[in-house]
C-alpha atoms as a PDB file:
ATOM      1  CA  MET A   1     179.167  38.036  87.749  1.00  0.00           C
ATOM      2  CA  LEU A   2     176.942  35.194  88.880  1.00  0.00           C
ATOM      3  CA  VAL A   3     173.507  35.050  87.501  1.00  0.00           C
ATOM      4  CA  GLN A   4     171.250  32.188  88.540  1.00  0.00           C
ATOM      5  CA  GLY A   5     174.346  30.418  89.748  1.00  0.00           C
ATOM      6  CA  LYS A   6     176.303  30.804  86.422  1.00  0.00           C
ATOM      7  CA  ASN A   7     179.263  33.133  85.849  1.00  0.00           C
ATOM      8  CA  TYR A   8     178.673  35.655  82.892  1.00  0.00           C
ATOM      9  CA  LYS A   9     180.723  38.382  81.328  1.00  0.00           C
ATOM     10  CA  THR A  10     178.643  41.130  79.657  1.00  0.00           C
ATOM     11  CA  ILE A  11     180.323  40.465  76.327  1.00  0.00           C
ATOM     12  CA  TRP A  12     182.509  37.899  74.825  1.00  0.00           C
ATOM     13  CA  MET A  13     183.519  36.301  71.515  1.00  0.00           C
ATOM     14  CA  ASP A  14     183.192  32.706  70.365  1.00  0.00           C
ATOM     15  CA  GLY A  15     184.644  31.875  67.096  1.00  0.00           C
ATOM     16  CA  THR A  16     183.685  34.755  64.929  1.00  0.00           C
ATOM     17  CA  SER A  17     180.461  35.817  66.673  1.00  0.00           C
ATOM     18  CA  VAL A  18     179.983  38.347  69.442  1.00  0.00           C
ATOM     19  CA  PHE A  19     177.695  37.361  72.256  1.00  0.00           C
ATOM     20  CA  MET A  20     176.312  39.795  74.845  1.00  0.00           C
ATOM     21  CA  ILE A  21     173.764  39.989  77.444  1.00  0.00           C
ATOM     22  CA  GLU A  22     170.563  41.740  75.853  1.00  0.00           C
ATOM     23  CA  GLN A  23     170.533  44.757  78.119  1.00  0.00           C
ATOM     24  CA  ASN A  24     167.137  46.204  76.628  1.00  0.00           C
ATOM     25  CA  LYS A  25     165.337  43.144  78.118  1.00  0.00           C
ATOM     26  CA  LEU A  26     166.552  43.520  81.636  1.00  0.00           C
ATOM     27  CA  PRO A  27     165.648  43.111  84.319  1.00  0.00           C
ATOM     28  CA  PHE A  28     162.499  41.374  82.878  1.00  0.00           C
ATOM     29  CA  SER A  29     164.224  38.780  80.850  1.00  0.00           C
ATOM     30  CA  PHE A  30     167.748  37.580  80.871  1.00  0.00           C
ATOM     31  CA  GLU A  31     168.859  36.623  77.322  1.00  0.00           C
ATOM     32  CA  ILE A  32     172.022  36.254  75.241  1.00  0.00           C
ATOM     33  CA  PHE A  33     172.200  38.041  71.945  1.00  0.00           C
ATOM     34  CA  GLU A  34     174.421  36.913  69.094  1.00  0.00           C
ATOM     35  CA  CYS A  35     176.213  39.230  66.398  1.00  0.00           C
ATOM     36  CA  LYS A  36     177.659  37.374  63.381  1.00  0.00           C
ATOM     37  CA  THR A  37     178.904  40.356  61.528  1.00  0.00           C
ATOM     38  CA  TYR A  38     180.369  43.779  62.220  1.00  0.00           C
ATOM     39  CA  GLN A  39     177.230  45.388  60.882  1.00  0.00           C
ATOM     40  CA  GLU A  40     175.102  43.447  63.523  1.00  0.00           C
ATOM     41  CA  THR A  41     177.548  44.363  66.435  1.00  0.00           C
ATOM     42  CA  CYS A  42     177.389  47.961  65.238  1.00  0.00           C
ATOM     43  CA  LEU A  43     173.453  47.872  65.356  1.00  0.00           C
ATOM     44  CA  ALA A  44     173.733  46.240  68.976  1.00  0.00           C
ATOM     45  CA  ILE A  45     175.840  49.247  70.122  1.00  0.00           C
ATOM     46  CA  LYS A  46     173.592  51.737  68.611  1.00  0.00           C
ATOM     47  CA  ASN A  47     170.391  50.112  69.858  1.00  0.00           C
ATOM     48  CA  MET A  48     171.940  49.794  73.291  1.00  0.00           C
ATOM     49  CA  THR A  49     171.764  45.954  73.446  1.00  0.00           C
ATOM     50  CA  VAL A  50     175.070  46.532  74.859  1.00  0.00           C
ATOM     51  CA  ARG A  51     175.964  49.800  76.593  1.00  0.00           C
ATOM     52  CA  GLY A  52     178.311  51.238  79.141  1.00  0.00           C
ATOM     53  CA  ALA A  53     181.813  52.546  78.414  1.00  0.00           C
ATOM     54  CA  GLY A  54     183.841  49.472  78.747  1.00  0.00           C
ATOM     55  CA  ALA A  55     181.316  47.091  77.234  1.00  0.00           C
ATOM     56  CA  ILE A  56     180.976  49.564  74.224  1.00  0.00           C
ATOM     57  CA  GLY A  57     184.834  49.346  73.977  1.00  0.00           C
ATOM     58  CA  ALA A  58     184.926  45.716  73.879  1.00  0.00           C
ATOM     59  CA  ALA A  59     182.102  45.626  71.395  1.00  0.00           C
ATOM     60  CA  ALA A  60     183.951  48.048  69.057  1.00  0.00           C
ATOM     61  CA  GLY A  61     187.008  46.015  69.112  1.00  0.00           C
ATOM     62  CA  TYR A  62     185.146  42.853  68.421  1.00  0.00           C
ATOM     63  CA  ALA A  63     183.392  44.542  65.629  1.00  0.00           C
ATOM     64  CA  MET A  64     186.567  45.781  63.992  1.00  0.00           C
ATOM     65  CA  ALA A  65     187.993  42.131  64.082  1.00  0.00           C
ATOM     66  CA  GLN A  66     184.785  41.051  62.245  1.00  0.00           C
ATOM     67  CA  ALA A  67     185.294  43.667  59.781  1.00  0.00           C
ATOM     68  CA  TYR A  68     188.680  42.570  58.905  1.00  0.00           C
ATOM     69  CA  LEU A  69     187.471  39.065  58.485  1.00  0.00           C
ATOM     70  CA  ALA A  70     184.724  40.254  56.127  1.00  0.00           C
ATOM     71  CA  ALA A  71     187.270  42.458  53.981  1.00  0.00           C
ATOM     72  CA  ALA A  72     188.353  40.934  50.923  1.00  0.00           C
ATOM     73  CA  ALA A  73     189.018  43.119  47.649  1.00  0.00           C
ATOM     74  CA  GLU A  74     189.414  46.797  48.430  1.00  0.00           C
ATOM     75  CA  LYS A  75     190.411  45.994  52.052  1.00  0.00           C
ATOM     76  CA  GLU A  76     191.685  49.287  52.952  1.00  0.00           C
ATOM     77  CA  SER A  77     188.565  51.244  51.802  1.00  0.00           C
ATOM     78  CA  PHE A  78     186.443  48.488  53.417  1.00  0.00           C
ATOM     79  CA  ILE A  79     188.052  48.774  56.808  1.00  0.00           C
ATOM     80  CA  THR A  80     187.870  52.590  56.651  1.00  0.00           C
ATOM     81  CA  LYS A  81     184.235  52.477  56.093  1.00  0.00           C
ATOM     82  CA  ALA A  82     183.598  49.898  58.679  1.00  0.00           C
ATOM     83  CA  LYS A  83     185.646  51.947  61.284  1.00  0.00           C
ATOM     84  CA  ALA A  84     183.575  54.924  60.567  1.00  0.00           C
ATOM     85  CA  GLU A  85     180.253  52.950  60.901  1.00  0.00           C
ATOM     86  CA  ILE A  86     181.360  51.727  64.269  1.00  0.00           C
ATOM     87  CA  GLU A  87     182.475  55.049  65.635  1.00  0.00           C
ATOM     88  CA  ALA A  88     179.214  56.666  64.493  1.00  0.00           C
ATOM     89  CA  THR A  89     177.104  54.336  66.635  1.00  0.00           C
ATOM     90  CA  ARG A  90     177.881  56.153  70.134  1.00  0.00           C
ATOM     91  CA  PRO A  91     180.212  59.070  69.502  1.00  0.00           C
ATOM     92  CA  THR A  92     180.462  60.311  73.098  1.00  0.00           C
ATOM     93  CA  ALA A  93     182.022  57.090  74.218  1.00  0.00           C
ATOM     94  CA  ARG A  94     185.880  57.325  74.354  1.00  0.00           C
ATOM     95  CA  ASN A  95     186.567  53.671  74.982  1.00  0.00           C
ATOM     96  CA  LEU A  96     184.955  52.873  71.644  1.00  0.00           C
ATOM     97  CA  PHE A  97     187.408  54.990  69.631  1.00  0.00           C
ATOM     98  CA  TYR A  98     190.274  53.592  71.873  1.00  0.00           C
ATOM     99  CA  ALA A  99     189.226  50.121  70.784  1.00  0.00           C
ATOM    100  CA  THR A 100     188.830  50.738  67.116  1.00  0.00           C
ATOM    101  CA  GLU A 101     192.223  52.453  66.819  1.00  0.00           C
ATOM    102  CA  ARG A 102     194.049  49.520  68.609  1.00  0.00           C
ATOM    103  CA  VAL A 103     192.362  46.903  66.452  1.00  0.00           C
ATOM    104  CA  LEU A 104     192.959  49.003  63.282  1.00  0.00           C
ATOM    105  CA  ARG A 105     196.590  48.915  64.006  1.00  0.00           C
ATOM    106  CA  ALA A 106     196.725  45.143  64.904  1.00  0.00           C
ATOM    107  CA  GLY A 107     194.763  44.162  61.638  1.00  0.00           C
ATOM    108  CA  LYS A 108     197.037  45.835  59.385  1.00  0.00           C
ATOM    109  CA  ILE A 109     199.413  42.977  60.301  1.00  0.00           C
ATOM    110  CA  SER A 110     196.988  40.169  60.035  1.00  0.00           C
ATOM    111  CA  VAL A 111     193.370  39.208  60.621  1.00  0.00           C
ATOM    112  CA  GLU A 112     194.465  36.938  63.554  1.00  0.00           C
ATOM    113  CA  ASN A 113     196.167  39.868  65.063  1.00  0.00           C
ATOM    114  CA  ALA A 114     192.944  41.961  65.054  1.00  0.00           C
ATOM    115  CA  PHE A 115     191.098  39.135  66.930  1.00  0.00           C
ATOM    116  CA  THR A 116     193.970  38.783  69.502  1.00  0.00           C
ATOM    117  CA  GLU A 117     193.962  42.509  69.903  1.00  0.00           C
ATOM    118  CA  ALA A 118     190.098  42.681  70.701  1.00  0.00           C
ATOM    119  CA  GLU A 119     190.535  39.958  73.047  1.00  0.00           C
ATOM    120  CA  LYS A 120     193.348  41.918  74.844  1.00  0.00           C
ATOM    121  CA  ILE A 121     191.148  44.910  75.185  1.00  0.00           C
ATOM    122  CA  ALA A 122     188.414  42.855  76.788  1.00  0.00           C
ATOM    123  CA  ASP A 123     190.852  41.243  79.052  1.00  0.00           C
ATOM    124  CA  LYS A 124     192.478  44.580  80.080  1.00  0.00           C
ATOM    125  CA  ASP A 125     189.078  45.880  80.938  1.00  0.00           C
ATOM    126  CA  ILE A 126     188.547  43.249  83.466  1.00  0.00           C
ATOM    127  CA  ARG A 127     191.875  43.812  84.990  1.00  0.00           C
ATOM    128  CA  ASP A 128     191.452  47.523  85.060  1.00  0.00           C
ATOM    129  CA  THR A 129     187.925  47.476  86.720  1.00  0.00           C
ATOM    130  CA  ARG A 130     189.103  44.979  89.386  1.00  0.00           C
ATOM    131  CA  ALA A 131     191.847  47.528  90.243  1.00  0.00           C
ATOM    132  CA  ILE A 132     189.291  50.261  90.372  1.00  0.00           C
ATOM    133  CA  GLY A 133     187.475  48.394  92.905  1.00  0.00           C
ATOM    134  CA  ALA A 134     190.520  47.841  95.087  1.00  0.00           C
ATOM    135  CA  PHE A 135     191.402  51.598  95.157  1.00  0.00           C
ATOM    136  CA  GLY A 136     187.874  52.729  95.446  1.00  0.00           C
ATOM    137  CA  ASN A 137     187.153  50.368  98.360  1.00  0.00           C
ATOM    138  CA  GLU A 138     189.516  52.616 100.358  1.00  0.00           C
ATOM    139  CA  LEU A 139     187.032  55.449 100.176  1.00  0.00           C
ATOM    140  CA  ILE A 140     184.024  53.223 101.557  1.00  0.00           C
ATOM    141  CA  LYS A 141     183.675  53.214 105.275  1.00  0.00           C
ATOM    142  CA  ASP A 142     181.620  50.566 107.020  1.00  0.00           C
ATOM    143  CA  LYS A 143     177.930  51.455 106.924  1.00  0.00           C
ATOM    144  CA  ALA A 144     178.392  53.954 104.023  1.00  0.00           C
ATOM    145  CA  ARG A 145     175.496  55.241 102.268  1.00  0.00           C
ATOM    146  CA  ILE A 146     176.435  55.634  98.593  1.00  0.00           C
ATOM    147  CA  LEU A 147     174.549  57.336  95.722  1.00  0.00           C
ATOM    148  CA  THR A 148     175.384  56.277  92.212  1.00  0.00           C
ATOM    149  CA  HIS A 149     173.808  57.436  88.832  1.00  0.00           C
ATOM    150  CA  CYS A 150     172.870  55.541  85.663  1.00  0.00           C
ATOM    151  CA  ASN A 151     174.880  52.057  85.304  1.00  0.00           C
ATOM    152  CA  ALA A 152     178.585  51.746  85.737  1.00  0.00           C
ATOM    153  CA  GLY A 153     178.588  48.007  87.060  1.00  0.00           C
ATOM    154  CA  TRP A 154     179.620  45.068  85.367  1.00  0.00           C
ATOM    155  CA  LEU A 155     176.851  45.303  82.637  1.00  0.00           C
ATOM    156  CA  ALA A 156     178.574  48.480  81.576  1.00  0.00           C
ATOM    157  CA  PHE A 157     181.989  46.613  81.395  1.00  0.00           C
ATOM    158  CA  VAL A 158     183.176  43.136  80.533  1.00  0.00           C
ATOM    159  CA  ASP A 159     182.909  42.559  84.334  1.00  0.00           C
ATOM    160  CA  TYR A 160     183.176  44.169  87.581  1.00  0.00           C
ATOM    161  CA  GLY A 161     182.360  47.705  86.486  1.00  0.00           C
ATOM    162  CA  THR A 162     183.700  51.129  87.631  1.00  0.00           C
ATOM    163  CA  ALA A 163     181.411  52.932  90.010  1.00  0.00           C
ATOM    164  CA  LEU A 164     179.884  49.791  91.283  1.00  0.00           C
ATOM    165  CA  SER A 165     183.400  47.775  91.589  1.00  0.00           C
ATOM    166  CA  PRO A 166     184.402  49.572  94.733  1.00  0.00           C
ATOM    167  CA  ILE A 167     180.915  48.788  96.310  1.00  0.00           C
ATOM    168  CA  TYR A 168     181.232  45.145  95.242  1.00  0.00           C
ATOM    169  CA  THR A 169     184.876  44.961  96.828  1.00  0.00           C
ATOM    170  CA  ALA A 170     183.693  46.592 100.159  1.00  0.00           C
ATOM    171  CA  PHE A 171     180.674  44.164 100.225  1.00  0.00           C
ATOM    172  CA  ASN A 172     182.768  41.146  99.623  1.00  0.00           C
ATOM    173  CA  GLN A 173     185.177  42.363 102.391  1.00  0.00           C
ATOM    174  CA  GLY A 174     182.345  42.313 104.835  1.00  0.00           C
ATOM    175  CA  LYS A 175     181.621  45.991 104.999  1.00  0.00           C
ATOM    176  CA  GLU A 176     177.882  47.056 105.343  1.00  0.00           C
ATOM    177  CA  VAL A 177     176.827  49.305 102.543  1.00  0.00           C
ATOM    178  CA  PHE A 178     173.698  50.705 101.340  1.00  0.00           C
ATOM    179  CA  VAL A 179     173.293  52.156  97.825  1.00  0.00           C
ATOM    180  CA  TYR A 180     170.866  54.885  96.654  1.00  0.00           C
ATOM    181  CA  VAL A 181     170.163  54.275  92.943  1.00  0.00           C
ATOM    182  CA  SER A 182     168.996  57.222  90.787  1.00  0.00           C
ATOM    183  CA  GLU A 183     166.385  55.878  88.159  1.00  0.00           C
ATOM    184  CA  THR A 184     168.244  57.695  85.398  1.00  0.00           C
ATOM    185  CA  ARG A 185     165.388  58.896  83.119  1.00  0.00           C
ATOM    186  CA  PRO A 186     164.650  58.501  80.203  1.00  0.00           C
ATOM    187  CA  ARG A 187     166.114  55.082  79.729  1.00  0.00           C
ATOM    188  CA  GLY A 188     166.115  54.074  83.305  1.00  0.00           C
ATOM    189  CA  GLN A 189     169.463  52.480  83.518  1.00  0.00           C
ATOM    190  CA  GLY A 190     169.655  52.966  87.235  1.00  0.00           C
ATOM    191  CA  ALA A 191     166.290  51.523  88.082  1.00  0.00           C
ATOM    192  CA  ARG A 192     166.481  48.647  85.483  1.00  0.00           C
ATOM    193  CA  LEU A 193     170.158  47.801  85.414  1.00  0.00           C
ATOM    194  CA  THR A 194     172.028  48.926  88.467  1.00  0.00           C
ATOM    195  CA  ALA A 195     169.079  47.758  90.644  1.00  0.00           C
ATOM    196  CA  TRP A 196     169.249  44.439  88.991  1.00  0.00           C
ATOM    197  CA  GLU A 197     172.920  43.970  89.450  1.00  0.00           C
ATOM    198  CA  LEU A 198     172.826  44.983  93.216  1.00  0.00           C
ATOM    199  CA  HIS A 199     169.899  42.643  93.750  1.00  0.00           C
ATOM    200  CA  GLN A 200     171.952  39.699  92.074  1.00  0.00           C
ATOM    201  CA  ALA A 201     174.756  40.532  94.549  1.00  0.00           C
ATOM    202  CA  GLY A 202     172.749  40.821  97.418  1.00  0.00           C
ATOM    203  CA  ILE A 203     173.472  44.330  98.145  1.00  0.00           C
ATOM    204  CA  ARG A 204     171.058  46.561 100.034  1.00  0.00           C
ATOM    205  CA  HIS A 205     169.834  49.234  97.988  1.00  0.00           C
ATOM    206  CA  THR A 206     166.660  51.419  96.972  1.00  0.00           C
ATOM    207  CA  ILE A 207     165.765  53.062  93.717  1.00  0.00           C
ATOM    208  CA  ILE A 208     165.185  56.911  94.089  1.00  0.00           C
ATOM    209  CA  ALA A 209     163.395  59.251  91.664  1.00  0.00           C
ATOM    210  CA  ASP A 210     166.222  61.330  89.913  1.00  0.00           C
ATOM    211  CA  ASN A 211     164.804  64.606  91.614  1.00  0.00           C
ATOM    212  CA  ALA A 212     164.901  63.035  95.059  1.00  0.00           C
ATOM    213  CA  ALA A 213     168.861  63.298  95.359  1.00  0.00           C
ATOM    214  CA  ALA A 214     168.876  66.895  96.682  1.00  0.00           C
ATOM    215  CA  SER A 215     166.405  66.060  99.482  1.00  0.00           C
ATOM    216  CA  LEU A 216     168.301  62.934 100.594  1.00  0.00           C
ATOM    217  CA  MET A 217     171.632  64.898 100.753  1.00  0.00           C
ATOM    218  CA  ALA A 218     170.020  67.691 102.657  1.00  0.00           C
ATOM    219  CA  GLN A 219     168.828  65.217 105.260  1.00  0.00           C
ATOM    220  CA  GLY A 220     172.430  63.824 105.620  1.00  0.00           C
ATOM    221  CA  LYS A 221     171.500  60.392 104.250  1.00  0.00           C
ATOM    222  CA  ILE A 222     174.267  60.299 101.659  1.00  0.00           C
ATOM    223  CA  ASP A 223     177.990  59.951 102.570  1.00  0.00           C
ATOM    224  CA  LEU A 224     179.559  59.346  99.223  1.00  0.00           C
ATOM    225  CA  VAL A 225     178.615  59.724  95.433  1.00  0.00           C
ATOM    226  CA  ILE A 226     180.528  57.370  92.868  1.00  0.00           C
ATOM    227  CA  VAL A 227     179.696  57.462  89.238  1.00  0.00           C
ATOM    228  CA  GLY A 228     181.329  56.358  85.944  1.00  0.00           C
ATOM    229  CA  ALA A 229     182.407  58.161  82.919  1.00  0.00           C
ATOM    230  CA  ASP A 230     182.237  57.882  79.183  1.00  0.00           C
ATOM    231  CA  ARG A 231     184.951  60.399  78.263  1.00  0.00           C
ATOM    232  CA  ILE A 232     187.209  62.401  80.354  1.00  0.00           C
ATOM    233  CA  ALA A 233     189.164  65.412  78.822  1.00  0.00           C
ATOM    234  CA  ALA A 234     192.813  66.241  79.418  1.00  0.00           C
ATOM    235  CA  ASN A 235     191.781  68.851  82.202  1.00  0.00           C
ATOM    236  CA  GLY A 236     189.601  66.328  84.050  1.00  0.00           C
ATOM    237  CA  ASP A 237     186.165  67.541  82.636  1.00  0.00           C
ATOM    238  CA  THR A 238     184.075  64.396  82.511  1.00  0.00           C
ATOM    239  CA  ALA A 239     181.162  63.407  80.273  1.00  0.00           C
ATOM    240  CA  ASN A 240     178.809  60.971  81.703  1.00  0.00           C
ATOM    241  CA  LYS A 241     175.105  59.985  81.710  1.00  0.00           C
ATOM    242  CA  ILE A 242     172.826  63.027  81.579  1.00  0.00           C
ATOM    243  CA  GLY A 243     171.976  64.044  85.173  1.00  0.00           C
ATOM    244  CA  THR A 244     175.593  63.339  86.380  1.00  0.00           C
ATOM    245  CA  LEU A 245     176.211  67.195  86.484  1.00  0.00           C
ATOM    246  CA  ASP A 246     173.181  67.707  88.856  1.00  0.00           C
ATOM    247  CA  ARG A 247     174.527  65.297  91.353  1.00  0.00           C
ATOM    248  CA  ALA A 248     178.111  66.827  91.076  1.00  0.00           C
ATOM    249  CA  ILE A 249     176.577  70.370  91.729  1.00  0.00           C
ATOM    250  CA  LEU A 250     174.428  69.024  94.629  1.00  0.00           C
ATOM    251  CA  SER A 251     177.471  67.219  96.076  1.00  0.00           C
ATOM    252  CA  ASN A 252     179.568  70.271  96.053  1.00  0.00           C
ATOM    253  CA  PHE A 253     176.768  72.277  97.719  1.00  0.00           C
ATOM    254  CA  PHE A 254     176.196  69.761 100.562  1.00  0.00           C
ATOM    255  CA  ASN A 255     180.027  69.007 100.914  1.00  0.00           C
ATOM    256  CA  ILE A 256     179.711  65.365  99.966  1.00  0.00           C
ATOM    257  CA  PRO A 257     182.626  63.579  98.178  1.00  0.00           C
ATOM    258  CA  PHE A 258     181.906  63.158  94.552  1.00  0.00           C
ATOM    259  CA  TYR A 259     184.118  60.565  92.701  1.00  0.00           C
ATOM    260  CA  VAL A 260     184.333  59.533  89.242  1.00  0.00           C
ATOM    261  CA  ALA A 261     185.479  55.996  88.430  1.00  0.00           C
ATOM    262  CA  ALA A 262     187.077  55.260  84.982  1.00  0.00           C
ATOM    263  CA  PRO A 263     189.780  53.455  83.475  1.00  0.00           C
ATOM    264  CA  SER A 264     192.784  55.178  81.576  1.00  0.00           C
ATOM    265  CA  SER A 265     191.075  54.054  78.269  1.00  0.00           C
ATOM    266  CA  THR A 266     188.328  56.491  79.120  1.00  0.00           C
ATOM    267  CA  PHE A 267     190.520  59.409  79.042  1.00  0.00           C
ATOM    268  CA  ASP A 268     191.002  61.429  75.812  1.00  0.00           C
ATOM    269  CA  THR A 269     194.196  63.379  76.253  1.00  0.00           C
ATOM    270  CA  GLU A 270     193.867  65.111  72.764  1.00  0.00           C
ATOM    271  CA  CYS A 271     190.501  66.615  74.132  1.00  0.00           C
ATOM    272  CA  ASN A 272     191.607  69.759  76.076  1.00  0.00           C
ATOM    273  CA  SER A 273     188.344  70.346  77.951  1.00  0.00           C
ATOM    274  CA  GLY A 274     184.712  69.095  78.012  1.00  0.00           C
ATOM    275  CA  ASN A 275     183.690  71.905  75.684  1.00  0.00           C
ATOM    276  CA  GLU A 276     185.284  69.591  72.846  1.00  0.00           C
ATOM    277  CA  ILE A 277     183.393  66.651  73.700  1.00  0.00           C
ATOM    278  CA  ILE A 278     180.473  65.791  71.381  1.00  0.00           C
ATOM    279  CA  ILE A 279     177.241  64.949  73.061  1.00  0.00           C
ATOM    280  CA  GLU A 280     175.053  62.283  71.735  1.00  0.00           C
ATOM    281  CA  GLU A 281     171.614  63.444  70.967  1.00  0.00           C
ATOM    282  CA  ARG A 282     169.122  60.538  71.177  1.00  0.00           C
ATOM    283  CA  SER A 283     165.561  60.103  69.896  1.00  0.00           C
ATOM    284  CA  GLN A 284     162.874  62.200  71.598  1.00  0.00           C
ATOM    285  CA  ASN A 285     160.742  59.187  71.741  1.00  0.00           C
ATOM    286  CA  GLU A 286     162.845  57.862  74.696  1.00  0.00           C
ATOM    287  CA  VAL A 287     161.316  60.911  76.501  1.00  0.00           C
ATOM    288  CA  LEU A 288     157.878  60.864  75.038  1.00  0.00           C
ATOM    289  CA  PHE A 289     157.269  57.205  75.504  1.00  0.00           C
ATOM    290  CA  GLN A 290     158.063  54.593  78.137  1.00  0.00           C
ATOM    291  CA  GLU A 291     158.221  50.958  77.841  1.00  0.00           C
ATOM    292  CA  GLY A 292     157.798  48.169  80.293  1.00  0.00           C
ATOM    293  CA  MET A 293     156.147  44.899  81.345  1.00  0.00           C
ATOM    294  CA  ASP A 294     152.741  44.706  82.979  1.00  0.00           C
ATOM    295  CA  GLU A 295     151.562  42.394  85.902  1.00  0.00           C
ATOM    296  CA  ASN A 296     150.844  39.668  83.486  1.00  0.00           C
ATOM    297  CA  GLY A 297     154.368  39.634  81.639  1.00  0.00           C
ATOM    298  CA  LYS A 298     153.356  41.543  78.739  1.00  0.00           C
ATOM    299  CA  TRP A 299     155.456  44.370  77.021  1.00  0.00           C
ATOM    300  CA  HIS A 300     153.979  47.623  76.392  1.00  0.00           C
ATOM    301  CA  LYS A 301     154.992  50.964  75.073  1.00  0.00           C
ATOM    302  CA  ILE A 302     152.906  53.891  76.311  1.00  0.00           C
ATOM    303  CA  ARG A 303     153.030  57.676  75.917  1.00  0.00           C
ATOM    304  CA  VAL A 304     153.711  59.502  79.034  1.00  0.00           C
ATOM    305  CA  SER A 305     153.778  63.072  77.839  1.00  0.00           C
ATOM    306  CA  SER A 306     151.440  65.609  76.183  1.00  0.00           C
ATOM    307  CA  PRO A 307     150.636  64.698  72.533  1.00  0.00           C
ATOM    308  CA  GLY A 308     151.905  67.193  70.125  1.00  0.00           C
ATOM    309  CA  SER A 309     154.886  68.120  72.240  1.00  0.00           C
ATOM    310  CA  SER A 310     158.429  67.492  71.416  1.00  0.00           C
ATOM    311  CA  ALA A 311     161.430  66.594  73.771  1.00  0.00           C
ATOM    312  CA  CYS A 312     165.153  67.357  74.073  1.00  0.00           C
ATOM    313  CA  ASN A 313     167.096  64.195  74.711  1.00  0.00           C
ATOM    314  CA  PRO A 314     170.904  64.770  75.204  1.00  0.00           C
ATOM    315  CA  ALA A 315     172.294  61.385  76.492  1.00  0.00           C
ATOM    316  CA  PHE A 316     175.222  62.824  78.465  1.00  0.00           C
ATOM    317  CA  ASP A 317     176.241  66.092  80.216  1.00  0.00           C
ATOM    318  CA  ILE A 318     179.848  67.545  81.124  1.00  0.00           C
ATOM    319  CA  THR A 319     180.772  67.718  84.685  1.00  0.00           C
ATOM    320  CA  PRO A 320     183.475  70.375  85.260  1.00  0.00           C
ATOM    321  CA  ALA A 321     186.731  69.042  86.813  1.00  0.00           C
ATOM    322  CA  GLN A 322     186.444  71.449  89.693  1.00  0.00           C
ATOM    323  CA  LEU A 323     183.337  69.628  91.049  1.00  0.00           C
ATOM    324  CA  ILE A 324     184.967  66.303  91.205  1.00  0.00           C
ATOM    325  CA  THR A 325     186.807  65.228  94.277  1.00  0.00           C
ATOM    326  CA  GLY A 326     188.983  62.583  92.549  1.00  0.00           C
ATOM    327  CA  ILE A 327     189.064  60.029  89.776  1.00  0.00           C
ATOM    328  CA  ILE A 328     189.414  56.400  90.695  1.00  0.00           C
ATOM    329  CA  THR A 329     191.680  54.755  88.055  1.00  0.00           C
ATOM    330  CA  GLU A 330     193.411  51.386  87.625  1.00  0.00           C
ATOM    331  CA  LYS A 331     196.553  53.124  88.742  1.00  0.00           C
ATOM    332  CA  GLY A 332     195.133  54.792  91.761  1.00  0.00           C
ATOM    333  CA  ILE A 333     193.089  57.830  92.713  1.00  0.00           C
ATOM    334  CA  ILE A 334     194.067  61.143  90.951  1.00  0.00           C
ATOM    335  CA  ILE A 335     193.200  64.639  91.231  1.00  0.00           C
ATOM    336  CA  PRO A 336     191.125  65.697  88.161  1.00  0.00           C
ATOM    337  CA  ASP A 337     193.548  68.247  86.544  1.00  0.00           C
ATOM    338  CA  LYS A 338     195.924  68.165  83.728  1.00  0.00           C
ATOM    339  CA  ALA A 339     199.188  67.481  85.554  1.00  0.00           C
ATOM    340  CA  ALA A 340     197.683  64.501  87.299  1.00  0.00           C
ATOM    341  CA  ILE A 341     196.327  63.066  84.181  1.00  0.00           C
ATOM    342  CA  VAL A 342     199.753  63.496  82.398  1.00  0.00           C
ATOM    343  CA  GLU A 343     201.367  61.627  85.333  1.00  0.00           C
ATOM    344  CA  LEU A 344     198.682  58.966  85.045  1.00  0.00           C
ATOM    345  CA  PHE A 345     199.737  58.172  81.313  1.00  0.00           C
ATOM    346  CA  LYS A 346     203.552  58.082  81.842  1.00  0.00           C
ATOM    347  CA  GLY A 347     204.591  54.528  81.054  1.00  0.00           C
ATOM    348  CA  ILE A 348     201.132  53.312  80.221  1.00  0.00           C
ATOM    349  CA  LYS A 349     201.315  51.048  77.125  1.00  0.00           C
ATOM    350  CA  ASN A 350     198.807  48.760  75.387  1.00  0.00           C
ATOM    351  CA  GLU A 351     198.390  45.566  77.401  1.00  0.00           C
END
């Protein structure tokens, strides 16, 4: 994506270092963050310097390659430990496990193979999300008003994104679109990242309070909802950013199409249903405190809650398949059920 006239990927490798856009600083500052070791890449995933399903997958693949480079004596035990460390950073994200498994197999042949496989994962992410944009574009009519939640744009993947990719494609083809962006508390990925992306692309949008979605739907102001996914079970149940379930229930009530956009790497066919998906619980401080920049450009952290109170902070929720109109994949739009998902995976091989 173009930023200040220059094309950037969200994450890439140069030599043995991993470079990524520092997403915790956006939209106030655009910075590139370097990770020289797998441990540094792990920390970047955990701290959400890099975040989003595909970007996490690419980061995990690169981290595994870095681990193979660092392994010397006791190589097998070193790699086993490194893989466990990487997978513990964001346990809900399916793309992370998909990447570590692929690079693990490649690295057993040679370190060079590990790096090559990591690059293949990143390249496939770009191809897949571009294809998702093409298929999803078919759902978007001219003058469509679309609601999205969290950030499933190019910052969440290596490029293009999932939920935003159809919007970018529609816009680039001359369609007039308007996007409602859920702020996505407590970390504000919608208000900070999705809004920033759309502004960079020149797409009309407005940020809404998370609690405003029902009112807008009741007024007939939303035509379509598109969200991303962090893990999709074999039956179509979908884990995505907390608040996604709310939007699915509302869409069902108001008879608004609700689509999930995700590549095949986000599907976990060994997970029977959403009940088996581990939900990451993040620090309560993300709810109790907020961070931001004042009018003088100074960064502040302030308490926005009652002192002495605690907070519950699940990072994701599970949307049952029956609330999902369809899943936009790189192979086409499918019905969210087991038979369709089995059909999706027929013939899919590592690319």
